[in-house]
Amino acid sequence: MKQKQIFYLTIVFWLLIFSGFILYKEYTLRTGTEILLKTEPVDPRDLFRGDYVTLNYEISTLDLDEVPAEDPYFNYNDRIYLALALEDGYGVPKKVYRNPPDDELYLKGTVKELIYNWEEDEAGIITEDPHIKELRVEYGIESYFVPEGRGREIESQQWTGEEGVDVKVVVDKYGNAVIKSLLIDGQEVEI
């Protein structure tokens, strides 16, 4: 009798964990703000693995000369918060924060690469202090499951489509994002 109870408790435990993941995403979808993000083409060798596509966004690379940062010093794996302005439904970078901003729409991200501005003279000697020029950031929405056989269509649209591929994302008040759908030339991909 003891072994059956342990077995059933184990099953209930795992069901609760899986249900928690689903409820977390569902909460974001129901209570968050819907925005569009523009994608950029990704090398086709890496575009899809199995039945999902890898997405790269315009906001994945932040040029700190164009997007102001509250604090311009970053390290690999730092948590950042990208405040977004809405322009025609699209989320565009407004400012990079170290802590969640008050009363602003923002995405929570992680710094994955730092690109420095190195200035060298003719002898190859650095002439001034290097500073961070760009951040490469991941937001947890870089892959998306697609219907079988649609990956090639999405790949070709990212490279050749007039309007390309956009992603409809829902962002909750804590900066967590969930992909709601893909749009090819303004039309949602049917799943």
N, C-alpha and C. Protein backbone atom coordinates (compact mmCIF):
# COMPACT_ATOMS: atom_id res chain seq x y z
N MET A 1 0.82 -1.19 0.00
CA MET A 1 0.00 0.00 0.00
C MET A 1 0.87 1.26 0.00
N LYS A 2 1.97 1.25 0.70
CA LYS A 2 2.86 2.40 0.81
C LYS A 2 3.45 2.78 -0.56
N GLN A 3 3.82 1.77 -1.36
CA GLN A 3 4.41 2.05 -2.67
C GLN A 3 3.39 2.69 -3.61
N LYS A 4 2.14 2.29 -3.55
CA LYS A 4 1.10 2.88 -4.39
C LYS A 4 0.90 4.36 -4.03
N GLN A 5 0.91 4.67 -2.75
CA GLN A 5 0.74 6.06 -2.32
C GLN A 5 1.89 6.92 -2.83
N ILE A 6 3.10 6.43 -2.74
CA ILE A 6 4.27 7.17 -3.22
C ILE A 6 4.16 7.38 -4.73
N PHE A 7 3.75 6.36 -5.45
CA PHE A 7 3.59 6.45 -6.89
C PHE A 7 2.55 7.52 -7.26
N TYR A 8 1.38 7.49 -6.60
CA TYR A 8 0.33 8.46 -6.90
C TYR A 8 0.74 9.88 -6.51
N LEU A 9 1.43 10.01 -5.39
CA LEU A 9 1.92 11.33 -4.98
C LEU A 9 2.93 11.89 -5.98
N THR A 10 3.77 11.04 -6.52
CA THR A 10 4.74 11.46 -7.53
C THR A 10 4.03 11.96 -8.79
N ILE A 11 3.01 11.23 -9.22
CA ILE A 11 2.25 11.65 -10.40
C ILE A 11 1.56 12.99 -10.14
N VAL A 12 0.94 13.15 -8.99
CA VAL A 12 0.27 14.40 -8.65
C VAL A 12 1.29 15.55 -8.60
N PHE A 13 2.45 15.30 -8.03
CA PHE A 13 3.50 16.32 -7.95
C PHE A 13 3.88 16.82 -9.34
N TRP A 14 4.12 15.91 -10.28
CA TRP A 14 4.52 16.31 -11.64
C TRP A 14 3.38 16.99 -12.38
N LEU A 15 2.17 16.56 -12.17
CA LEU A 15 1.03 17.22 -12.79
C LEU A 15 0.89 18.66 -12.29
N LEU A 16 1.13 18.88 -11.01
CA LEU A 16 1.09 20.23 -10.46
C LEU A 16 2.17 21.12 -11.06
N ILE A 17 3.37 20.58 -11.25
CA ILE A 17 4.46 21.36 -11.85
C ILE A 17 4.11 21.74 -13.29
N PHE A 18 3.66 20.77 -14.09
CA PHE A 18 3.29 21.07 -15.48
C PHE A 18 2.13 22.04 -15.55
N SER A 19 1.17 21.91 -14.68
CA SER A 19 0.04 22.82 -14.65
C SER A 19 0.49 24.24 -14.30
N GLY A 20 1.46 24.35 -13.40
CA GLY A 20 2.00 25.66 -13.02
C GLY A 20 2.63 26.38 -14.21
N PHE A 21 3.39 25.65 -15.03
CA PHE A 21 3.99 26.25 -16.23
C PHE A 21 2.91 26.75 -17.18
N ILE A 22 1.89 25.95 -17.38
CA ILE A 22 0.82 26.32 -18.29
C ILE A 22 0.05 27.52 -17.75
N LEU A 23 -0.26 27.53 -16.46
CA LEU A 23 -1.00 28.64 -15.86
C LEU A 23 -0.19 29.94 -15.91
N TYR A 24 1.12 29.85 -15.73
CA TYR A 24 1.99 31.03 -15.80
C TYR A 24 1.90 31.68 -17.18
N LYS A 25 2.02 30.88 -18.24
CA LYS A 25 1.94 31.41 -19.60
C LYS A 25 0.53 31.93 -19.89
N GLU A 26 -0.48 31.22 -19.45
CA GLU A 26 -1.86 31.63 -19.67
C GLU A 26 -2.15 32.95 -18.96
N TYR A 27 -1.63 33.13 -17.76
CA TYR A 27 -1.81 34.38 -17.02
C TYR A 27 -1.24 35.56 -17.82
N THR A 28 -0.04 35.37 -18.36
CA THR A 28 0.58 36.43 -19.16
C THR A 28 -0.26 36.72 -20.40
N LEU A 29 -0.74 35.69 -21.09
CA LEU A 29 -1.54 35.90 -22.29
C LEU A 29 -2.83 36.65 -21.99
N ARG A 30 -3.45 36.39 -20.86
CA ARG A 30 -4.74 37.01 -20.53
C ARG A 30 -4.62 38.41 -19.93
N THR A 31 -3.53 38.69 -19.22
CA THR A 31 -3.44 39.97 -18.51
C THR A 31 -2.42 40.93 -19.11
N GLY A 32 -1.61 40.48 -20.06
CA GLY A 32 -0.52 41.31 -20.58
C GLY A 32 -0.96 42.27 -21.67
N THR A 33 0.00 43.06 -22.13
CA THR A 33 -0.19 44.02 -23.21
C THR A 33 0.33 43.39 -24.50
N GLU A 34 -0.46 43.47 -25.56
CA GLU A 34 -0.09 42.87 -26.83
C GLU A 34 0.71 43.89 -27.65
N ILE A 35 1.87 43.45 -28.15
CA ILE A 35 2.70 44.30 -29.00
C ILE A 35 3.20 43.47 -30.18
N LEU A 36 3.69 44.15 -31.20
CA LEU A 36 4.33 43.48 -32.33
C LEU A 36 5.82 43.75 -32.27
N LEU A 37 6.61 42.76 -32.65
CA LEU A 37 8.06 42.92 -32.74
C LEU A 37 8.50 42.52 -34.14
N LYS A 38 9.41 43.31 -34.71
CA LYS A 38 9.95 42.99 -36.02
C LYS A 38 11.10 42.01 -35.86
N THR A 39 11.13 41.03 -36.77
CA THR A 39 12.21 40.06 -36.74
C THR A 39 13.25 40.43 -37.78
N GLU A 40 14.43 39.84 -37.63
CA GLU A 40 15.49 39.98 -38.60
C GLU A 40 15.86 38.58 -39.08
N PRO A 41 16.34 38.48 -40.32
CA PRO A 41 16.72 37.15 -40.82
C PRO A 41 17.83 36.54 -39.98
N VAL A 42 17.74 35.22 -39.85
CA VAL A 42 18.75 34.44 -39.15
C VAL A 42 19.39 33.54 -40.18
N ASP A 43 20.66 33.22 -40.00
CA ASP A 43 21.33 32.31 -40.91
C ASP A 43 20.48 31.06 -41.11
N PRO A 44 20.13 30.70 -42.36
CA PRO A 44 19.19 29.59 -42.58
C PRO A 44 19.68 28.25 -42.05
N ARG A 45 20.98 28.09 -41.83
CA ARG A 45 21.46 26.81 -41.29
C ARG A 45 20.97 26.63 -39.86
N ASP A 46 20.72 27.73 -39.16
CA ASP A 46 20.30 27.65 -37.76
C ASP A 46 18.82 27.98 -37.56
N LEU A 47 18.10 28.22 -38.63
CA LEU A 47 16.75 28.77 -38.49
C LEU A 47 15.80 27.83 -37.78
N PHE A 48 15.80 26.55 -38.13
CA PHE A 48 14.85 25.72 -37.40
C PHE A 48 15.41 24.36 -37.07
N ARG A 49 15.04 23.92 -35.92
CA ARG A 49 15.46 22.63 -35.38
C ARG A 49 14.18 21.86 -35.09
N GLY A 50 13.88 20.91 -35.93
CA GLY A 50 12.64 20.17 -35.73
C GLY A 50 11.46 21.01 -36.15
N ASP A 51 10.47 21.14 -35.29
CA ASP A 51 9.24 21.84 -35.62
C ASP A 51 9.15 23.22 -35.00
N TYR A 52 10.26 23.88 -34.81
CA TYR A 52 10.18 25.26 -34.35
C TYR A 52 11.20 26.12 -35.08
N VAL A 53 10.96 27.42 -35.11
CA VAL A 53 11.87 28.36 -35.77
C VAL A 53 12.59 29.17 -34.70
N THR A 54 13.80 29.56 -35.03
CA THR A 54 14.56 30.45 -34.16
C THR A 54 14.35 31.87 -34.66
N LEU A 55 14.00 32.77 -33.75
CA LEU A 55 13.69 34.15 -34.11
C LEU A 55 14.74 35.10 -33.56
N ASN A 56 15.09 36.07 -34.37
CA ASN A 56 15.98 37.14 -33.96
C ASN A 56 15.20 38.44 -34.19
N TYR A 57 15.21 39.32 -33.21
CA TYR A 57 14.42 40.54 -33.28
C TYR A 57 15.32 41.75 -33.50
N GLU A 58 14.72 42.81 -34.03
CA GLU A 58 15.46 44.06 -34.14
C GLU A 58 15.91 44.53 -32.76
N ILE A 59 15.12 44.24 -31.73
CA ILE A 59 15.49 44.67 -30.37
C ILE A 59 16.47 43.71 -29.69
N SER A 60 16.91 42.68 -30.42
CA SER A 60 17.89 41.75 -29.85
C SER A 60 19.28 42.36 -29.80
N THR A 61 19.54 43.34 -30.69
CA THR A 61 20.81 44.07 -30.68
C THR A 61 20.49 45.52 -30.36
N LEU A 62 20.98 45.98 -29.23
CA LEU A 62 20.72 47.35 -28.78
C LEU A 62 21.97 48.20 -28.93
N ASP A 63 21.92 49.18 -29.80
CA ASP A 63 23.02 50.12 -30.00
C ASP A 63 22.90 51.19 -28.91
N LEU A 64 23.85 51.22 -27.99
CA LEU A 64 23.76 52.14 -26.86
C LEU A 64 23.99 53.60 -27.24
N ASP A 65 24.42 53.85 -28.49
CA ASP A 65 24.49 55.22 -28.98
C ASP A 65 23.10 55.72 -29.37
N GLU A 66 22.18 54.77 -29.67
CA GLU A 66 20.83 55.14 -30.09
C GLU A 66 19.79 54.94 -28.98
N VAL A 67 20.01 53.92 -28.15
CA VAL A 67 19.08 53.62 -27.06
C VAL A 67 19.77 53.97 -25.75
N PRO A 68 19.30 54.98 -25.04
CA PRO A 68 19.98 55.36 -23.80
C PRO A 68 19.88 54.27 -22.74
N ALA A 69 20.90 54.19 -21.91
CA ALA A 69 20.94 53.22 -20.82
C ALA A 69 21.07 53.98 -19.50
N GLU A 70 20.31 53.53 -18.52
CA GLU A 70 20.36 54.10 -17.19
C GLU A 70 21.78 54.00 -16.63
N ASP A 71 22.43 52.87 -16.90
CA ASP A 71 23.80 52.60 -16.46
C ASP A 71 24.50 51.90 -17.62
N PRO A 72 25.53 52.49 -18.22
CA PRO A 72 26.13 51.93 -19.43
C PRO A 72 27.13 50.78 -19.20
N TYR A 73 27.27 50.31 -17.98
CA TYR A 73 28.24 49.25 -17.69
C TYR A 73 27.51 47.94 -17.48
N PHE A 74 27.80 46.97 -18.33
CA PHE A 74 27.10 45.70 -18.30
C PHE A 74 28.10 44.56 -18.30
N ASN A 75 27.63 43.41 -17.84
CA ASN A 75 28.40 42.18 -17.89
C ASN A 75 27.57 41.11 -18.55
N TYR A 76 28.23 40.06 -18.98
CA TYR A 76 27.55 38.91 -19.55
C TYR A 76 26.56 38.35 -18.53
N ASN A 77 25.38 38.00 -18.97
CA ASN A 77 24.30 37.42 -18.16
C ASN A 77 23.62 38.41 -17.22
N ASP A 78 23.90 39.71 -17.35
CA ASP A 78 23.19 40.71 -16.55
C ASP A 78 21.72 40.74 -16.94
N ARG A 79 20.85 40.94 -15.98
CA ARG A 79 19.42 41.13 -16.24
C ARG A 79 19.22 42.59 -16.60
N ILE A 80 18.49 42.83 -17.69
CA ILE A 80 18.15 44.20 -18.07
C ILE A 80 16.65 44.29 -18.29
N TYR A 81 16.16 45.51 -18.33
CA TYR A 81 14.75 45.79 -18.58
C TYR A 81 14.69 46.84 -19.67
N LEU A 82 14.15 46.46 -20.84
CA LEU A 82 14.07 47.36 -21.98
C LEU A 82 12.70 48.00 -22.03
N ALA A 83 12.64 49.31 -21.75
CA ALA A 83 11.38 50.05 -21.86
C ALA A 83 11.06 50.21 -23.33
N LEU A 84 9.78 50.01 -23.66
CA LEU A 84 9.34 50.08 -25.05
C LEU A 84 8.34 51.21 -25.25
N ALA A 85 8.45 51.85 -26.39
CA ALA A 85 7.43 52.81 -26.83
C ALA A 85 6.64 52.10 -27.92
N LEU A 86 5.35 52.36 -28.00
CA LEU A 86 4.52 51.76 -29.04
C LEU A 86 4.40 52.73 -30.21
N GLU A 87 4.80 52.26 -31.39
CA GLU A 87 4.68 53.03 -32.62
C GLU A 87 3.97 52.16 -33.64
N ASP A 88 2.73 52.52 -33.96
CA ASP A 88 1.88 51.74 -34.89
C ASP A 88 1.75 50.29 -34.44
N GLY A 89 1.68 50.08 -33.13
CA GLY A 89 1.52 48.74 -32.58
C GLY A 89 2.83 48.01 -32.34
N TYR A 90 3.92 48.51 -32.89
CA TYR A 90 5.22 47.87 -32.73
C TYR A 90 5.94 48.39 -31.49
N GLY A 91 6.59 47.50 -30.77
CA GLY A 91 7.40 47.88 -29.63
C GLY A 91 8.78 48.30 -30.12
N VAL A 92 9.16 49.54 -29.83
CA VAL A 92 10.48 50.04 -30.22
C VAL A 92 11.24 50.44 -28.96
N PRO A 93 12.57 50.22 -28.95
CA PRO A 93 13.36 50.50 -27.75
C PRO A 93 13.30 51.97 -27.35
N LYS A 94 13.15 52.17 -26.05
CA LYS A 94 13.09 53.52 -25.50
C LYS A 94 14.27 53.77 -24.56
N LYS A 95 14.49 52.86 -23.61
CA LYS A 95 15.58 53.02 -22.65
C LYS A 95 15.88 51.69 -21.98
N VAL A 96 17.15 51.47 -21.64
CA VAL A 96 17.58 50.25 -20.96
C VAL A 96 17.77 50.55 -19.48
N TYR A 97 17.16 49.71 -18.65
CA TYR A 97 17.22 49.89 -17.20
C TYR A 97 17.87 48.68 -16.54
N ARG A 98 18.39 48.89 -15.35
CA ARG A 98 18.91 47.81 -14.51
C ARG A 98 17.82 47.20 -13.64
N ASN A 99 16.84 48.01 -13.27
CA ASN A 99 15.72 47.57 -12.44
C ASN A 99 14.43 47.84 -13.20
N PRO A 100 13.37 47.12 -12.89
CA PRO A 100 12.11 47.34 -13.60
C PRO A 100 11.66 48.80 -13.48
N PRO A 101 11.36 49.44 -14.60
CA PRO A 101 10.90 50.83 -14.54
C PRO A 101 9.45 50.90 -14.06
N ASP A 102 9.11 52.02 -13.45
CA ASP A 102 7.75 52.24 -12.97
C ASP A 102 6.87 52.74 -14.10
N ASP A 103 5.67 52.23 -14.18
CA ASP A 103 4.64 52.72 -15.10
C ASP A 103 5.08 52.77 -16.56
N GLU A 104 5.87 51.79 -16.99
CA GLU A 104 6.27 51.71 -18.39
C GLU A 104 6.10 50.28 -18.88
N LEU A 105 5.85 50.14 -20.17
CA LEU A 105 5.84 48.83 -20.81
C LEU A 105 7.28 48.44 -21.02
N TYR A 106 7.68 47.25 -20.55
CA TYR A 106 9.06 46.83 -20.70
C TYR A 106 9.16 45.32 -20.85
N LEU A 107 10.28 44.90 -21.44
CA LEU A 107 10.62 43.49 -21.59
C LEU A 107 11.80 43.17 -20.69
N LYS A 108 11.75 42.02 -20.05
CA LYS A 108 12.85 41.55 -19.22
C LYS A 108 13.77 40.73 -20.12
N GLY A 109 15.07 41.02 -20.08
CA GLY A 109 16.02 40.31 -20.93
C GLY A 109 17.31 40.00 -20.21
N THR A 110 18.17 39.24 -20.89
CA THR A 110 19.47 38.86 -20.35
C THR A 110 20.54 39.19 -21.38
N VAL A 111 21.60 39.87 -20.95
CA VAL A 111 22.70 40.22 -21.84
C VAL A 111 23.46 38.95 -22.21
N LYS A 112 23.59 38.70 -23.51
CA LYS A 112 24.29 37.50 -23.98
C LYS A 112 25.59 37.81 -24.70
N GLU A 113 25.79 39.07 -25.09
CA GLU A 113 27.04 39.45 -25.73
C GLU A 113 27.25 40.95 -25.59
N LEU A 114 28.49 41.34 -25.38
CA LEU A 114 28.87 42.74 -25.28
C LEU A 114 29.78 43.06 -26.47
N ILE A 115 29.50 44.15 -27.17
CA ILE A 115 30.31 44.56 -28.30
C ILE A 115 30.90 45.92 -27.94
N TYR A 116 32.22 45.97 -27.92
CA TYR A 116 32.92 47.18 -27.49
C TYR A 116 33.30 48.05 -28.68
N ASN A 117 33.46 49.34 -28.42
CA ASN A 117 33.94 50.29 -29.41
C ASN A 117 35.44 50.48 -29.16
N TRP A 118 36.25 49.83 -29.96
CA TRP A 118 37.70 49.93 -29.83
C TRP A 118 38.22 50.91 -30.87
N GLU A 119 39.00 51.87 -30.44
CA GLU A 119 39.63 52.78 -31.39
C GLU A 119 41.13 52.61 -31.27
N GLU A 120 41.75 52.23 -32.38
CA GLU A 120 43.20 51.98 -32.40
C GLU A 120 43.88 52.97 -33.33
N ASP A 121 45.14 53.30 -33.01
CA ASP A 121 45.91 54.12 -33.93
C ASP A 121 46.57 53.22 -34.96
N GLU A 122 47.43 53.78 -35.79
CA GLU A 122 48.06 53.01 -36.87
C GLU A 122 48.94 51.88 -36.36
N ALA A 123 49.47 52.01 -35.15
CA ALA A 123 50.33 50.98 -34.59
C ALA A 123 49.52 49.89 -33.87
N GLY A 124 48.20 50.03 -33.86
CA GLY A 124 47.37 49.03 -33.21
C GLY A 124 47.21 49.24 -31.71
N ILE A 125 47.55 50.43 -31.24
CA ILE A 125 47.43 50.74 -29.82
C ILE A 125 46.08 51.40 -29.58
N ILE A 126 45.39 50.96 -28.56
CA ILE A 126 44.08 51.52 -28.25
C ILE A 126 44.28 52.95 -27.76
N THR A 127 43.57 53.89 -28.42
CA THR A 127 43.80 55.30 -28.15
C THR A 127 42.89 55.88 -27.07
N GLU A 128 41.80 55.22 -26.77
CA GLU A 128 40.93 55.71 -25.69
C GLU A 128 40.29 54.52 -25.01
N ASP A 129 39.68 54.78 -23.87
CA ASP A 129 39.02 53.69 -23.14
C ASP A 129 37.91 53.08 -23.98
N PRO A 130 37.94 51.77 -24.14
CA PRO A 130 36.83 51.15 -24.88
C PRO A 130 35.55 51.22 -24.06
N HIS A 131 34.46 51.43 -24.74
CA HIS A 131 33.17 51.43 -24.06
C HIS A 131 32.24 50.47 -24.81
N ILE A 132 31.21 50.05 -24.12
CA ILE A 132 30.26 49.11 -24.73
C ILE A 132 29.44 49.87 -25.76
N LYS A 133 29.47 49.38 -26.99
CA LYS A 133 28.71 49.99 -28.07
C LYS A 133 27.35 49.33 -28.24
N GLU A 134 27.33 47.98 -28.18
CA GLU A 134 26.09 47.25 -28.40
C GLU A 134 25.93 46.13 -27.39
N LEU A 135 24.67 45.81 -27.13
CA LEU A 135 24.32 44.65 -26.30
C LEU A 135 23.52 43.69 -27.16
N ARG A 136 23.83 42.41 -27.05
CA ARG A 136 22.98 41.38 -27.65
C ARG A 136 22.18 40.79 -26.50
N VAL A 137 20.87 40.79 -26.63
CA VAL A 137 19.98 40.45 -25.52
C VAL A 137 19.02 39.33 -25.93
N GLU A 138 18.74 38.43 -25.00
CA GLU A 138 17.72 37.41 -25.19
C GLU A 138 16.57 37.71 -24.23
N TYR A 139 15.33 37.51 -24.74
CA TYR A 139 14.14 37.82 -23.96
C TYR A 139 13.31 36.59 -23.61
N GLY A 140 13.78 35.41 -24.01
CA GLY A 140 13.04 34.18 -23.73
C GLY A 140 11.96 33.88 -24.75
N ILE A 141 11.96 34.62 -25.86
CA ILE A 141 10.97 34.42 -26.93
C ILE A 141 11.68 34.21 -28.27
N GLU A 142 12.82 33.54 -28.21
CA GLU A 142 13.63 33.37 -29.41
C GLU A 142 13.30 32.12 -30.22
N SER A 143 12.40 31.29 -29.74
CA SER A 143 11.99 30.13 -30.54
C SER A 143 10.48 29.98 -30.46
N TYR A 144 9.92 29.42 -31.54
CA TYR A 144 8.47 29.30 -31.63
C TYR A 144 8.12 28.04 -32.41
N PHE A 145 7.23 27.24 -31.86
CA PHE A 145 6.78 26.04 -32.54
C PHE A 145 5.84 26.42 -33.69
N VAL A 146 6.05 25.79 -34.84
CA VAL A 146 5.24 26.07 -36.02
C VAL A 146 4.65 24.77 -36.55
N PRO A 147 3.59 24.88 -37.35
CA PRO A 147 3.03 23.66 -37.93
C PRO A 147 4.07 22.98 -38.82
N GLU A 148 4.03 21.67 -38.85
CA GLU A 148 4.99 20.91 -39.64
C GLU A 148 4.92 21.34 -41.10
N GLY A 149 6.08 21.58 -41.69
CA GLY A 149 6.15 21.98 -43.09
C GLY A 149 6.09 23.47 -43.32
N ARG A 150 5.84 24.28 -42.29
CA ARG A 150 5.75 25.74 -42.46
C ARG A 150 7.08 26.44 -42.21
N GLY A 151 8.07 25.72 -41.69
CA GLY A 151 9.35 26.34 -41.38
C GLY A 151 10.04 26.96 -42.58
N ARG A 152 10.01 26.27 -43.73
CA ARG A 152 10.66 26.79 -44.94
C ARG A 152 9.99 28.08 -45.41
N GLU A 153 8.66 28.12 -45.33
CA GLU A 153 7.94 29.32 -45.73
C GLU A 153 8.33 30.51 -44.86
N ILE A 154 8.39 30.28 -43.56
CA ILE A 154 8.76 31.35 -42.64
C ILE A 154 10.20 31.79 -42.89
N GLU A 155 11.07 30.82 -43.11
CA GLU A 155 12.48 31.13 -43.41
C GLU A 155 12.60 32.00 -44.66
N SER A 156 11.90 31.62 -45.73
CA SER A 156 12.01 32.40 -46.97
C SER A 156 11.41 33.78 -46.80
N GLN A 157 10.34 33.92 -46.02
CA GLN A 157 9.73 35.22 -45.79
C GLN A 157 10.66 36.15 -45.01
N GLN A 158 11.43 35.59 -44.09
CA GLN A 158 12.35 36.44 -43.32
C GLN A 158 13.41 37.03 -44.24
N TRP A 159 13.80 36.30 -45.28
CA TRP A 159 14.86 36.77 -46.17
C TRP A 159 14.31 37.57 -47.34
N THR A 160 13.12 37.19 -47.86
CA THR A 160 12.67 37.79 -49.11
C THR A 160 11.34 38.51 -49.02
N GLY A 161 10.60 38.34 -47.96
CA GLY A 161 9.26 38.94 -47.86
C GLY A 161 9.32 40.45 -47.85
N GLU A 162 8.31 41.08 -48.49
CA GLU A 162 8.27 42.54 -48.52
C GLU A 162 8.15 43.11 -47.12
N GLU A 163 7.19 42.60 -46.37
CA GLU A 163 7.01 43.07 -44.99
C GLU A 163 7.72 42.17 -44.01
N GLY A 164 8.04 40.94 -44.43
CA GLY A 164 8.76 40.02 -43.57
C GLY A 164 7.89 39.34 -42.54
N VAL A 165 8.52 38.90 -41.49
CA VAL A 165 7.85 38.17 -40.42
C VAL A 165 7.85 39.03 -39.17
N ASP A 166 6.66 39.23 -38.62
CA ASP A 166 6.52 39.93 -37.35
C ASP A 166 6.01 38.92 -36.33
N VAL A 167 6.19 39.25 -35.08
CA VAL A 167 5.75 38.37 -34.00
C VAL A 167 4.82 39.16 -33.09
N LYS A 168 3.65 38.58 -32.82
CA LYS A 168 2.72 39.19 -31.88
C LYS A 168 3.06 38.61 -30.51
N VAL A 169 3.42 39.49 -29.59
CA VAL A 169 3.89 39.10 -28.26
C VAL A 169 2.98 39.75 -27.22
N VAL A 170 2.73 39.03 -26.15
CA VAL A 170 1.98 39.59 -25.02
C VAL A 170 2.97 39.74 -23.86
N VAL A 171 3.02 40.95 -23.29
CA VAL A 171 3.96 41.26 -22.21
C VAL A 171 3.17 41.57 -20.96
N ASP A 172 3.50 40.90 -19.85
CA ASP A 172 2.79 41.18 -18.60
C ASP A 172 3.45 42.33 -17.85
N LYS A 173 2.89 42.69 -16.71
CA LYS A 173 3.38 43.86 -15.96
C LYS A 173 4.75 43.63 -15.32
N TYR A 174 5.28 42.40 -15.39
CA TYR A 174 6.60 42.09 -14.84
C TYR A 174 7.66 41.98 -15.93
N GLY A 175 7.30 42.27 -17.18
CA GLY A 175 8.26 42.21 -18.29
C GLY A 175 8.40 40.85 -18.92
N ASN A 176 7.59 39.87 -18.48
CA ASN A 176 7.64 38.54 -19.08
C ASN A 176 6.87 38.56 -20.39
N ALA A 177 7.41 37.91 -21.41
CA ALA A 177 6.78 37.91 -22.73
C ALA A 177 6.43 36.49 -23.15
N VAL A 178 5.31 36.37 -23.87
CA VAL A 178 4.87 35.11 -24.44
C VAL A 178 4.49 35.38 -25.89
N ILE A 179 4.97 34.55 -26.81
CA ILE A 179 4.60 34.69 -28.21
C ILE A 179 3.17 34.22 -28.39
N LYS A 180 2.36 35.08 -29.01
CA LYS A 180 0.97 34.73 -29.27
C LYS A 180 0.83 34.15 -30.68
N SER A 181 1.50 34.79 -31.66
CA SER A 181 1.43 34.28 -33.03
C SER A 181 2.51 34.92 -33.90
N LEU A 182 2.73 34.31 -35.06
CA LEU A 182 3.61 34.85 -36.09
C LEU A 182 2.76 35.47 -37.18
N LEU A 183 3.25 36.55 -37.75
CA LEU A 183 2.56 37.18 -38.87
C LEU A 183 3.50 37.24 -40.06
N ILE A 184 3.04 36.74 -41.20
CA ILE A 184 3.82 36.82 -42.43
C ILE A 184 3.12 37.83 -43.33
N ASP A 185 3.81 38.89 -43.68
CA ASP A 185 3.24 40.00 -44.47
C ASP A 185 1.90 40.44 -43.89
N GLY A 186 1.83 40.54 -42.56
CA GLY A 186 0.64 41.04 -41.88
C GLY A 186 -0.45 40.01 -41.63
N GLN A 187 -0.29 38.79 -42.12
CA GLN A 187 -1.31 37.74 -41.93
C GLN A 187 -0.82 36.72 -40.92
N GLU A 188 -1.69 36.40 -39.94
CA GLU A 188 -1.30 35.42 -38.92
C GLU A 188 -1.11 34.04 -39.53
N VAL A 189 -0.07 33.34 -39.06
CA VAL A 189 0.18 31.97 -39.46
C VAL A 189 -0.84 31.11 -38.75
N GLU A 190 -1.61 30.35 -39.50
CA GLU A 190 -2.62 29.47 -38.90
C GLU A 190 -1.95 28.27 -38.28
N ILE A 191 -2.30 27.98 -37.03
CA ILE A 191 -1.74 26.82 -36.33
C ILE A 191 -2.85 25.81 -36.13
